[in-house]
C-alpha cells in the first residue's frame, strides 16, 4: 500500500473501531495511529489464519482486517493499562 492509501485506510479503520468500542473516535491522529497498527496486526493475523495477504490496497477486506486488528490492539491495550 502507498502512504496516502495507508493513512486513509488507517483513519477509516481507527474511526470505525472508535465507534464500535467507545461510541466516538479517537481524534484524527489517534484514529490513524490505531488504524495503522490495527492494519498491521489484522494483516498478520489474517495471513496466519488464512495464508493470504489481506492488506493489499484500498478495498473492503483491507478495511475489515484493519478494524479487526484495531479492535484486538485496543482490547489488549485496555487490558494492559486497566482501562475499559
N, C-alpha and C. Protein backbone atom coordinates (compact mmCIF):
# COMPACT_ATOMS: atom_id res chain seq x y z
N UNK A 1 0.84 -1.18 0.00
CA UNK A 1 0.00 0.00 0.00
C UNK A 1 0.89 1.24 0.00
N UNK A 2 0.39 2.27 -0.65
CA UNK A 2 1.09 3.54 -0.64
C UNK A 2 0.83 4.29 0.66
N UNK A 3 1.59 5.34 0.86
CA UNK A 3 1.48 6.12 2.09
C UNK A 3 0.10 6.74 2.25
N UNK A 4 -0.40 7.36 1.19
CA UNK A 4 -1.70 8.02 1.26
C UNK A 4 -2.81 6.99 1.49
N UNK A 5 -2.74 5.87 0.80
CA UNK A 5 -3.73 4.81 0.99
C UNK A 5 -3.68 4.26 2.40
N UNK A 6 -2.49 4.09 2.94
CA UNK A 6 -2.34 3.59 4.30
C UNK A 6 -2.96 4.56 5.31
N UNK A 7 -2.73 5.85 5.11
CA UNK A 7 -3.30 6.85 6.01
C UNK A 7 -4.82 6.87 5.93
N UNK A 8 -5.37 6.74 4.73
CA UNK A 8 -6.82 6.73 4.56
C UNK A 8 -7.44 5.49 5.20
N UNK A 9 -6.85 4.32 4.90
CA UNK A 9 -7.37 3.07 5.49
C UNK A 9 -7.21 3.11 7.01
N UNK A 10 -6.09 3.61 7.50
CA UNK A 10 -5.87 3.71 8.95
C UNK A 10 -6.88 4.63 9.60
N UNK A 11 -7.16 5.76 8.96
CA UNK A 11 -8.15 6.70 9.50
C UNK A 11 -9.54 6.10 9.55
N UNK A 12 -9.94 5.43 8.48
CA UNK A 12 -11.27 4.80 8.43
C UNK A 12 -11.37 3.69 9.46
N UNK A 13 -10.35 2.83 9.51
CA UNK A 13 -10.38 1.70 10.45
C UNK A 13 -10.35 2.18 11.90
N UNK A 14 -9.54 3.17 12.19
CA UNK A 14 -9.49 3.70 13.56
C UNK A 14 -10.79 4.37 13.96
N UNK A 15 -11.37 5.13 13.04
CA UNK A 15 -12.65 5.80 13.32
C UNK A 15 -13.75 4.77 13.57
N UNK A 16 -13.84 3.74 12.72
CA UNK A 16 -14.87 2.71 12.92
C UNK A 16 -14.63 1.91 14.19
N UNK A 17 -13.37 1.66 14.53
CA UNK A 17 -13.06 0.97 15.79
C UNK A 17 -13.48 1.82 16.97
N UNK A 18 -13.21 3.12 16.90
CA UNK A 18 -13.64 4.03 17.96
C UNK A 18 -15.14 4.04 18.12
N UNK A 19 -15.87 4.00 17.00
CA UNK A 19 -17.33 3.95 17.08
C UNK A 19 -17.81 2.64 17.70
N UNK A 20 -17.15 1.55 17.35
CA UNK A 20 -17.56 0.24 17.88
C UNK A 20 -17.28 0.10 19.37
N UNK A 21 -16.16 0.62 19.82
CA UNK A 21 -15.76 0.37 21.19
C UNK A 21 -16.06 1.50 22.16
N UNK A 22 -16.00 2.72 21.72
CA UNK A 22 -16.18 3.83 22.64
C UNK A 22 -17.40 4.68 22.32
N UNK A 23 -17.97 4.50 21.16
CA UNK A 23 -19.09 5.32 20.76
C UNK A 23 -18.68 6.61 20.09
N UNK A 24 -17.37 6.86 20.02
CA UNK A 24 -16.83 8.01 19.31
C UNK A 24 -15.42 7.65 18.87
N UNK A 25 -14.83 8.48 18.06
CA UNK A 25 -13.49 8.20 17.56
C UNK A 25 -12.42 8.58 18.56
N UNK A 26 -11.17 8.46 18.14
CA UNK A 26 -10.02 8.79 18.98
C UNK A 26 -9.38 10.12 18.57
N UNK A 27 -10.02 10.87 17.70
CA UNK A 27 -9.42 12.06 17.11
C UNK A 27 -8.71 11.68 15.83
N UNK A 28 -8.41 12.63 14.99
CA UNK A 28 -7.84 12.34 13.68
C UNK A 28 -6.53 11.56 13.77
N UNK A 29 -5.59 12.05 14.53
CA UNK A 29 -4.29 11.38 14.64
C UNK A 29 -4.44 10.04 15.35
N UNK A 30 -5.24 10.00 16.40
CA UNK A 30 -5.47 8.74 17.12
C UNK A 30 -6.13 7.69 16.25
N UNK A 31 -7.10 8.10 15.43
CA UNK A 31 -7.75 7.17 14.51
C UNK A 31 -6.74 6.58 13.52
N UNK A 32 -5.90 7.43 12.98
CA UNK A 32 -4.91 6.96 12.00
C UNK A 32 -3.91 6.01 12.65
N UNK A 33 -3.43 6.36 13.84
CA UNK A 33 -2.45 5.51 14.54
C UNK A 33 -3.07 4.16 14.90
N UNK A 34 -4.27 4.19 15.49
CA UNK A 34 -4.95 2.93 15.85
C UNK A 34 -5.22 2.11 14.60
N UNK A 35 -5.65 2.75 13.53
CA UNK A 35 -5.93 2.03 12.29
C UNK A 35 -4.70 1.44 11.65
N UNK A 36 -3.58 2.18 11.64
CA UNK A 36 -2.35 1.66 11.05
C UNK A 36 -1.80 0.47 11.84
N UNK A 37 -1.80 0.60 13.15
CA UNK A 37 -1.35 -0.53 13.98
C UNK A 37 -2.32 -1.70 13.82
N UNK A 38 -3.60 -1.39 13.79
CA UNK A 38 -4.60 -2.43 13.58
C UNK A 38 -4.46 -3.13 12.25
N UNK A 39 -4.12 -2.37 11.20
CA UNK A 39 -3.92 -2.98 9.88
C UNK A 39 -2.74 -3.94 9.90
N UNK A 40 -1.67 -3.56 10.59
CA UNK A 40 -0.52 -4.45 10.69
C UNK A 40 -0.87 -5.72 11.45
N UNK A 41 -1.55 -5.56 12.58
CA UNK A 41 -1.94 -6.73 13.39
C UNK A 41 -2.97 -7.57 12.64
N UNK A 42 -3.97 -6.93 12.05
CA UNK A 42 -5.00 -7.66 11.30
C UNK A 42 -4.43 -8.39 10.11
N UNK A 43 -3.50 -7.75 9.40
CA UNK A 43 -2.86 -8.42 8.27
C UNK A 43 -2.04 -9.61 8.71
N UNK A 44 -1.34 -9.47 9.83
CA UNK A 44 -0.55 -10.58 10.36
C UNK A 44 -1.45 -11.74 10.78
N UNK A 45 -2.53 -11.42 11.53
CA UNK A 45 -3.45 -12.48 11.95
C UNK A 45 -4.14 -13.14 10.78
N UNK A 46 -4.54 -12.34 9.79
CA UNK A 46 -5.18 -12.89 8.59
C UNK A 46 -4.26 -13.80 7.81
N UNK A 47 -2.98 -13.42 7.72
CA UNK A 47 -2.04 -14.27 7.00
C UNK A 47 -1.74 -15.55 7.76
N UNK A 48 -1.78 -15.49 9.09
CA UNK A 48 -1.59 -16.72 9.88
C UNK A 48 -2.78 -17.66 9.75
N UNK A 49 -3.97 -17.10 9.84
CA UNK A 49 -5.18 -17.94 9.83
C UNK A 49 -5.56 -18.44 8.44
N UNK A 50 -5.38 -17.60 7.42
CA UNK A 50 -5.88 -17.95 6.08
C UNK A 50 -4.80 -18.09 5.03
N UNK A 51 -3.53 -17.89 5.39
CA UNK A 51 -2.39 -17.99 4.48
C UNK A 51 -2.59 -17.12 3.24
N UNK A 52 -3.09 -15.90 3.45
CA UNK A 52 -3.32 -14.95 2.36
C UNK A 52 -3.09 -13.55 2.89
N UNK A 53 -2.52 -12.68 2.07
CA UNK A 53 -2.27 -11.29 2.46
C UNK A 53 -3.54 -10.48 2.21
N UNK A 54 -4.19 -10.02 3.27
CA UNK A 54 -5.44 -9.28 3.14
C UNK A 54 -5.23 -7.77 3.15
N UNK A 55 -4.04 -7.31 3.42
CA UNK A 55 -3.77 -5.88 3.44
C UNK A 55 -3.07 -5.54 2.11
N UNK A 56 -3.88 -5.32 1.07
CA UNK A 56 -3.33 -5.16 -0.27
C UNK A 56 -3.90 -3.98 -1.03
N UNK A 57 -4.18 -2.89 -0.40
CA UNK A 57 -4.70 -1.73 -1.11
C UNK A 57 -5.97 -1.22 -0.46
N UNK A 58 -6.68 -0.42 -1.19
CA UNK A 58 -7.91 0.18 -0.67
C UNK A 58 -9.10 -0.65 -1.13
N UNK A 59 -9.51 -1.61 -0.30
CA UNK A 59 -10.67 -2.44 -0.59
C UNK A 59 -11.33 -2.86 0.72
N UNK A 60 -12.44 -3.55 0.62
CA UNK A 60 -13.22 -3.91 1.80
C UNK A 60 -12.47 -4.86 2.73
N UNK A 61 -11.75 -5.84 2.17
CA UNK A 61 -11.04 -6.79 3.03
C UNK A 61 -9.93 -6.10 3.82
N UNK A 62 -9.27 -5.13 3.21
CA UNK A 62 -8.23 -4.39 3.91
C UNK A 62 -8.81 -3.63 5.09
N UNK A 63 -9.92 -2.93 4.87
CA UNK A 63 -10.55 -2.18 5.95
C UNK A 63 -11.08 -3.12 7.02
N UNK A 64 -11.67 -4.23 6.64
CA UNK A 64 -12.22 -5.19 7.60
C UNK A 64 -11.13 -5.77 8.48
N UNK A 65 -10.02 -6.20 7.88
CA UNK A 65 -8.94 -6.76 8.69
C UNK A 65 -8.23 -5.70 9.51
N UNK A 66 -8.19 -4.47 9.03
CA UNK A 66 -7.63 -3.38 9.83
C UNK A 66 -8.51 -3.11 11.05
N UNK A 67 -9.83 -3.17 10.88
CA UNK A 67 -10.75 -2.98 12.01
C UNK A 67 -10.59 -4.12 13.01
N UNK A 68 -10.53 -5.34 12.53
CA UNK A 68 -10.35 -6.50 13.42
C UNK A 68 -9.04 -6.35 14.20
N UNK A 69 -7.97 -5.99 13.51
CA UNK A 69 -6.69 -5.79 14.18
C UNK A 69 -6.74 -4.65 15.18
N UNK A 70 -7.42 -3.56 14.84
CA UNK A 70 -7.51 -2.41 15.74
C UNK A 70 -8.33 -2.75 16.98
N UNK A 71 -9.37 -3.54 16.82
CA UNK A 71 -10.15 -3.98 17.98
C UNK A 71 -9.28 -4.83 18.90
N UNK A 72 -8.51 -5.74 18.32
CA UNK A 72 -7.62 -6.57 19.12
C UNK A 72 -6.59 -5.69 19.86
N UNK A 73 -6.00 -4.73 19.15
CA UNK A 73 -4.99 -3.86 19.74
C UNK A 73 -5.58 -3.04 20.88
N UNK A 74 -6.75 -2.43 20.67
CA UNK A 74 -7.34 -1.61 21.72
C UNK A 74 -7.80 -2.45 22.90
N UNK A 75 -8.25 -3.68 22.64
CA UNK A 75 -8.63 -4.57 23.74
C UNK A 75 -7.41 -4.95 24.58
N UNK A 76 -6.33 -5.32 23.91
CA UNK A 76 -5.11 -5.70 24.62
C UNK A 76 -4.54 -4.49 25.37
N UNK A 77 -4.55 -3.31 24.74
CA UNK A 77 -4.06 -2.10 25.39
C UNK A 77 -4.90 -1.79 26.63
N UNK A 78 -6.23 -1.95 26.53
CA UNK A 78 -7.09 -1.72 27.67
C UNK A 78 -6.84 -2.72 28.80
N UNK A 79 -6.55 -3.97 28.42
CA UNK A 79 -6.26 -4.98 29.44
C UNK A 79 -4.93 -4.69 30.14
N UNK A 80 -3.96 -4.19 29.41
CA UNK A 80 -2.65 -3.89 29.99
C UNK A 80 -2.75 -2.67 30.92
N UNK A 81 -3.43 -1.63 30.47
CA UNK A 81 -3.49 -0.40 31.26
C UNK A 81 -4.62 -0.39 32.29
N UNK A 82 -5.50 -1.35 32.21
CA UNK A 82 -6.60 -1.42 33.17
C UNK A 82 -7.78 -0.55 32.81
N UNK A 83 -7.80 0.01 31.59
CA UNK A 83 -8.92 0.84 31.15
C UNK A 83 -9.91 0.00 30.36
N UNK A 84 -11.14 0.45 30.32
CA UNK A 84 -12.16 -0.22 29.53
C UNK A 84 -12.55 0.65 28.39
